[in-house]
Amino acid sequence: MKGMATVQLPNGALRRVELRGYEAHGIGKKDLKIKRYPDER
Protein backbone atom coordinates (compact mmCIF):
# COMPACT_ATOMS: atom_id res chain seq x y z
CA MET A 1 0.00 0.00 0.00
CA LYS A 2 1.12 3.55 -0.52
CA GLY A 3 -0.07 7.06 0.16
CA MET A 4 0.87 10.71 0.51
CA ALA A 5 1.36 12.47 3.85
CA THR A 6 2.99 15.46 5.50
CA VAL A 7 5.61 14.33 8.01
CA GLN A 8 8.04 16.05 10.35
CA LEU A 9 11.61 14.99 9.65
CA PRO A 10 14.22 14.57 12.43
CA ASN A 11 15.66 18.03 11.58
CA GLY A 12 12.23 19.59 12.29
CA ALA A 13 11.26 20.31 8.68
CA LEU A 14 7.73 19.51 7.47
CA ARG A 15 7.76 17.75 4.09
CA ARG A 16 5.22 16.13 1.79
CA VAL A 17 6.29 12.52 1.18
CA GLU A 18 5.13 9.34 -0.52
CA LEU A 19 4.91 6.56 2.06
CA ARG A 20 4.99 2.83 1.43
CA GLY A 21 3.51 0.40 3.91
CA TYR A 22 4.80 -3.13 4.34
CA GLU A 23 2.78 -5.98 5.79
CA ALA A 24 3.73 -9.35 7.18
CA HIS A 25 1.34 -12.23 6.48
CA GLY A 26 -0.78 -12.95 9.54
CA ILE A 27 0.56 -9.93 11.47
CA GLY A 28 -0.83 -6.96 9.55
CA LYS A 29 0.90 -3.60 9.18
CA LYS A 30 4.62 -3.98 9.86
CA ASP A 31 6.40 -0.80 8.80
CA LEU A 32 6.06 2.53 6.97
CA LYS A 33 8.96 3.90 4.92
CA ILE A 34 9.46 7.16 3.03
CA LYS A 35 9.71 6.25 -0.63
CA ARG A 36 10.31 9.68 -2.17
CA TYR A 37 9.91 13.44 -1.80
CA PRO A 38 7.66 14.51 -4.73
CA ASP A 39 8.46 18.24 -4.29
CA GLU A 40 12.21 17.64 -4.88
CA ARG A 41 13.52 18.12 -8.39
PDB file of N, CA and C in Angstrom:
ATOM      1  N   MET A   1       0.839  -1.176   0.000  1.00  0.00           N
ATOM      2  CA  MET A   1       0.000   0.000   0.000  1.00  0.00           C
ATOM      3  C   MET A   1       0.880   1.233   0.000  1.00  0.00           C
ATOM      4  N   LYS A   2       0.360   2.321  -0.513  1.00  0.00           N
ATOM      5  CA  LYS A   2       1.118   3.555  -0.524  1.00  0.00           C
ATOM      6  C   LYS A   2       0.176   4.728  -0.362  1.00  0.00           C
ATOM      7  N   GLY A   3       0.739   5.875  -0.018  1.00  0.00           N
ATOM      8  CA  GLY A   3      -0.068   7.065   0.157  1.00  0.00           C
ATOM      9  C   GLY A   3       0.810   8.285   0.317  1.00  0.00           C
ATOM     10  N   MET A   4       0.171   9.445   0.338  1.00  0.00           N
ATOM     11  CA  MET A   4       0.872  10.713   0.512  1.00  0.00           C
ATOM     12  C   MET A   4       0.565  11.247   1.907  1.00  0.00           C
ATOM     13  N   ALA A   5       1.559  11.909   2.514  1.00  0.00           N
ATOM     14  CA  ALA A   5       1.360  12.468   3.850  1.00  0.00           C
ATOM     15  C   ALA A   5       2.353  13.593   4.073  1.00  0.00           C
ATOM     16  N   THR A   6       2.050  14.451   5.046  1.00  0.00           N
ATOM     17  CA  THR A   6       2.990  15.464   5.501  1.00  0.00           C
ATOM     18  C   THR A   6       3.596  14.949   6.793  1.00  0.00           C
ATOM     19  N   VAL A   7       4.927  14.866   6.833  1.00  0.00           N
ATOM     20  CA  VAL A   7       5.613  14.333   8.005  1.00  0.00           C
ATOM     21  C   VAL A   7       6.642  15.342   8.504  1.00  0.00           C
ATOM     22  N   GLN A   8       6.986  15.229   9.772  1.00  0.00           N
ATOM     23  CA  GLN A   8       8.039  16.053  10.352  1.00  0.00           C
ATOM     24  C   GLN A   8       9.302  15.221  10.395  1.00  0.00           C
ATOM     25  N   LEU A   9      10.341  15.688   9.704  1.00  0.00           N
ATOM     26  CA  LEU A   9      11.611  14.991   9.654  1.00  0.00           C
ATOM     27  C   LEU A   9      12.402  15.224  10.939  1.00  0.00           C
ATOM     28  N   PRO A  10      13.427  14.408  11.208  1.00  0.00           N
ATOM     29  CA  PRO A  10      14.221  14.572  12.433  1.00  0.00           C
ATOM     30  C   PRO A  10      14.834  15.969  12.593  1.00  0.00           C
ATOM     31  N   ASN A  11      15.079  16.681  11.477  1.00  0.00           N
ATOM     32  CA  ASN A  11      15.658  18.025  11.579  1.00  0.00           C
ATOM     33  C   ASN A  11      14.593  19.091  11.847  1.00  0.00           C
ATOM     34  N   GLY A  12      13.305  18.672  11.984  1.00  0.00           N
ATOM     35  CA  GLY A  12      12.227  19.594  12.295  1.00  0.00           C
ATOM     36  C   GLY A  12      11.454  20.112  11.093  1.00  0.00           C
ATOM     37  N   ALA A  13      11.917  19.830   9.893  1.00  0.00           N
ATOM     38  CA  ALA A  13      11.261  20.308   8.677  1.00  0.00           C
ATOM     39  C   ALA A  13       9.991  19.505   8.401  1.00  0.00           C
ATOM     40  N   LEU A  14       8.950  20.174   7.912  1.00  0.00           N
ATOM     41  CA  LEU A  14       7.728  19.506   7.471  1.00  0.00           C
ATOM     42  C   LEU A  14       7.822  19.299   5.976  1.00  0.00           C
ATOM     43  N   ARG A  15       7.650  18.067   5.522  1.00  0.00           N
ATOM     44  CA  ARG A  15       7.763  17.746   4.089  1.00  0.00           C
ATOM     45  C   ARG A  15       6.619  16.867   3.654  1.00  0.00           C
ATOM     46  N   ARG A  16       6.219  17.010   2.397  1.00  0.00           N
ATOM     47  CA  ARG A  16       5.222  16.131   1.787  1.00  0.00           C
ATOM     48  C   ARG A  16       5.985  14.932   1.238  1.00  0.00           C
ATOM     49  N   VAL A  17       5.576  13.723   1.581  1.00  0.00           N
ATOM     50  CA  VAL A  17       6.295  12.518   1.176  1.00  0.00           C
ATOM     51  C   VAL A  17       5.330  11.463   0.650  1.00  0.00           C
ATOM     52  N   GLU A  18       5.874  10.529  -0.118  1.00  0.00           N
ATOM     53  CA  GLU A  18       5.135   9.341  -0.519  1.00  0.00           C
ATOM     54  C   GLU A  18       5.574   8.225   0.410  1.00  0.00           C
ATOM     55  N   LEU A  19       4.618   7.635   1.119  1.00  0.00           N
ATOM     56  CA  LEU A  19       4.906   6.557   2.056  1.00  0.00           C
ATOM     57  C   LEU A  19       4.553   5.213   1.441  1.00  0.00           C
ATOM     58  N   ARG A  20       5.303   4.207   1.815  1.00  0.00           N
ATOM     59  CA  ARG A  20       4.993   2.833   1.426  1.00  0.00           C
ATOM     60  C   ARG A  20       4.825   2.027   2.699  1.00  0.00           C
ATOM     61  N   GLY A  21       3.767   1.252   2.751  1.00  0.00           N
ATOM     62  CA  GLY A  21       3.508   0.400   3.906  1.00  0.00           C
ATOM     63  C   GLY A  21       3.847  -1.042   3.575  1.00  0.00           C
ATOM     64  N   TYR A  22       4.440  -1.733   4.514  1.00  0.00           N
ATOM     65  CA  TYR A  22       4.804  -3.126   4.336  1.00  0.00           C
ATOM     66  C   TYR A  22       4.042  -3.953   5.353  1.00  0.00           C
ATOM     67  N   GLU A  23       3.553  -5.109   4.917  1.00  0.00           N
ATOM     68  CA  GLU A  23       2.783  -5.977   5.789  1.00  0.00           C
ATOM     69  C   GLU A  23       3.421  -7.353   5.852  1.00  0.00           C
ATOM     70  N   ALA A  24       3.273  -7.979   7.005  1.00  0.00           N
ATOM     71  CA  ALA A  24       3.731  -9.351   7.182  1.00  0.00           C
ATOM     72  C   ALA A  24       2.486 -10.238   7.248  1.00  0.00           C
ATOM     73  N   HIS A  25       2.490 -11.329   6.534  1.00  0.00           N
ATOM     74  CA  HIS A  25       1.339 -12.225   6.481  1.00  0.00           C
ATOM     75  C   HIS A  25       0.958 -12.691   7.886  1.00  0.00           C
ATOM     76  N   GLY A  26      -0.292 -12.513   8.243  1.00  0.00           N
ATOM     77  CA  GLY A  26      -0.777 -12.948   9.538  1.00  0.00           C
ATOM     78  C   GLY A  26      -0.559 -11.953  10.666  1.00  0.00           C
ATOM     79  N   ILE A  27       0.258 -10.912  10.432  1.00  0.00           N
ATOM     80  CA  ILE A  27       0.565  -9.930  11.473  1.00  0.00           C
ATOM     81  C   ILE A  27      -0.137  -8.608  11.188  1.00  0.00           C
ATOM     82  N   GLY A  28      -0.241  -8.244   9.927  1.00  0.00           N
ATOM     83  CA  GLY A  28      -0.826  -6.964   9.550  1.00  0.00           C
ATOM     84  C   GLY A  28       0.256  -5.952   9.250  1.00  0.00           C
ATOM     85  N   LYS A  29      -0.054  -4.665   9.506  1.00  0.00           N
ATOM     86  CA  LYS A  29       0.897  -3.597   9.182  1.00  0.00           C
ATOM     87  C   LYS A  29       2.192  -3.790   9.947  1.00  0.00           C
ATOM     88  N   LYS A  30       3.309  -3.737   9.255  1.00  0.00           N
ATOM     89  CA  LYS A  30       4.616  -3.982   9.861  1.00  0.00           C
ATOM     90  C   LYS A  30       5.455  -2.717   9.939  1.00  0.00           C
ATOM     91  N   ASP A  31       5.477  -1.934   8.849  1.00  0.00           N
ATOM     92  CA  ASP A  31       6.403  -0.803   8.802  1.00  0.00           C
ATOM     93  C   ASP A  31       5.945   0.205   7.757  1.00  0.00           C
ATOM     94  N   LEU A  32       6.267   1.480   7.959  1.00  0.00           N
ATOM     95  CA  LEU A  32       6.059   2.531   6.966  1.00  0.00           C
ATOM     96  C   LEU A  32       7.420   3.125   6.631  1.00  0.00           C
ATOM     97  N   LYS A  33       7.682   3.321   5.353  1.00  0.00           N
ATOM     98  CA  LYS A  33       8.957   3.900   4.924  1.00  0.00           C
ATOM     99  C   LYS A  33       8.693   5.028   3.949  1.00  0.00           C
ATOM    100  N   ILE A  34       9.538   6.055   3.983  1.00  0.00           N
ATOM    101  CA  ILE A  34       9.456   7.156   3.030  1.00  0.00           C
ATOM    102  C   ILE A  34      10.061   6.675   1.720  1.00  0.00           C
ATOM    103  N   LYS A  35       9.249   6.707   0.676  1.00  0.00           N
ATOM    104  CA  LYS A  35       9.706   6.246  -0.633  1.00  0.00           C
ATOM    105  C   LYS A  35      10.363   7.382  -1.417  1.00  0.00           C
ATOM    106  N   ARG A  36       9.717   8.567  -1.433  1.00  0.00           N
ATOM    107  CA  ARG A  36      10.314   9.684  -2.167  1.00  0.00           C
ATOM    108  C   ARG A  36       9.715  10.999  -1.687  1.00  0.00           C
ATOM    109  N   TYR A  37      10.359  12.080  -2.074  1.00  0.00           N
ATOM    110  CA  TYR A  37       9.911  13.437  -1.803  1.00  0.00           C
ATOM    111  C   TYR A  37       9.453  14.030  -3.124  1.00  0.00           C
ATOM    112  N   PRO A  38       8.127  14.063  -3.408  1.00  0.00           N
ATOM    113  CA  PRO A  38       7.662  14.509  -4.727  1.00  0.00           C
ATOM    114  C   PRO A  38       7.951  15.976  -5.029  1.00  0.00           C
ATOM    115  N   ASP A  39       8.194  16.823  -4.026  1.00  0.00           N
ATOM    116  CA  ASP A  39       8.459  18.244  -4.294  1.00  0.00           C
ATOM    117  C   ASP A  39       9.934  18.509  -4.608  1.00  0.00           C
ATOM    118  N   GLU A  40      10.790  17.489  -4.542  1.00  0.00           N
ATOM    119  CA  GLU A  40      12.210  17.640  -4.885  1.00  0.00           C
ATOM    120  C   GLU A  40      12.398  17.469  -6.384  1.00  0.00           C
ATOM    121  N   ARG A  41      13.240  18.239  -6.953  1.00  0.00           N
ATOM    122  CA  ARG A  41      13.522  18.124  -8.389  1.00  0.00           C
ATOM    123  C   ARG A  41      14.948  17.706  -8.605  1.00  0.00           C
TER     124      ARG A  41
END
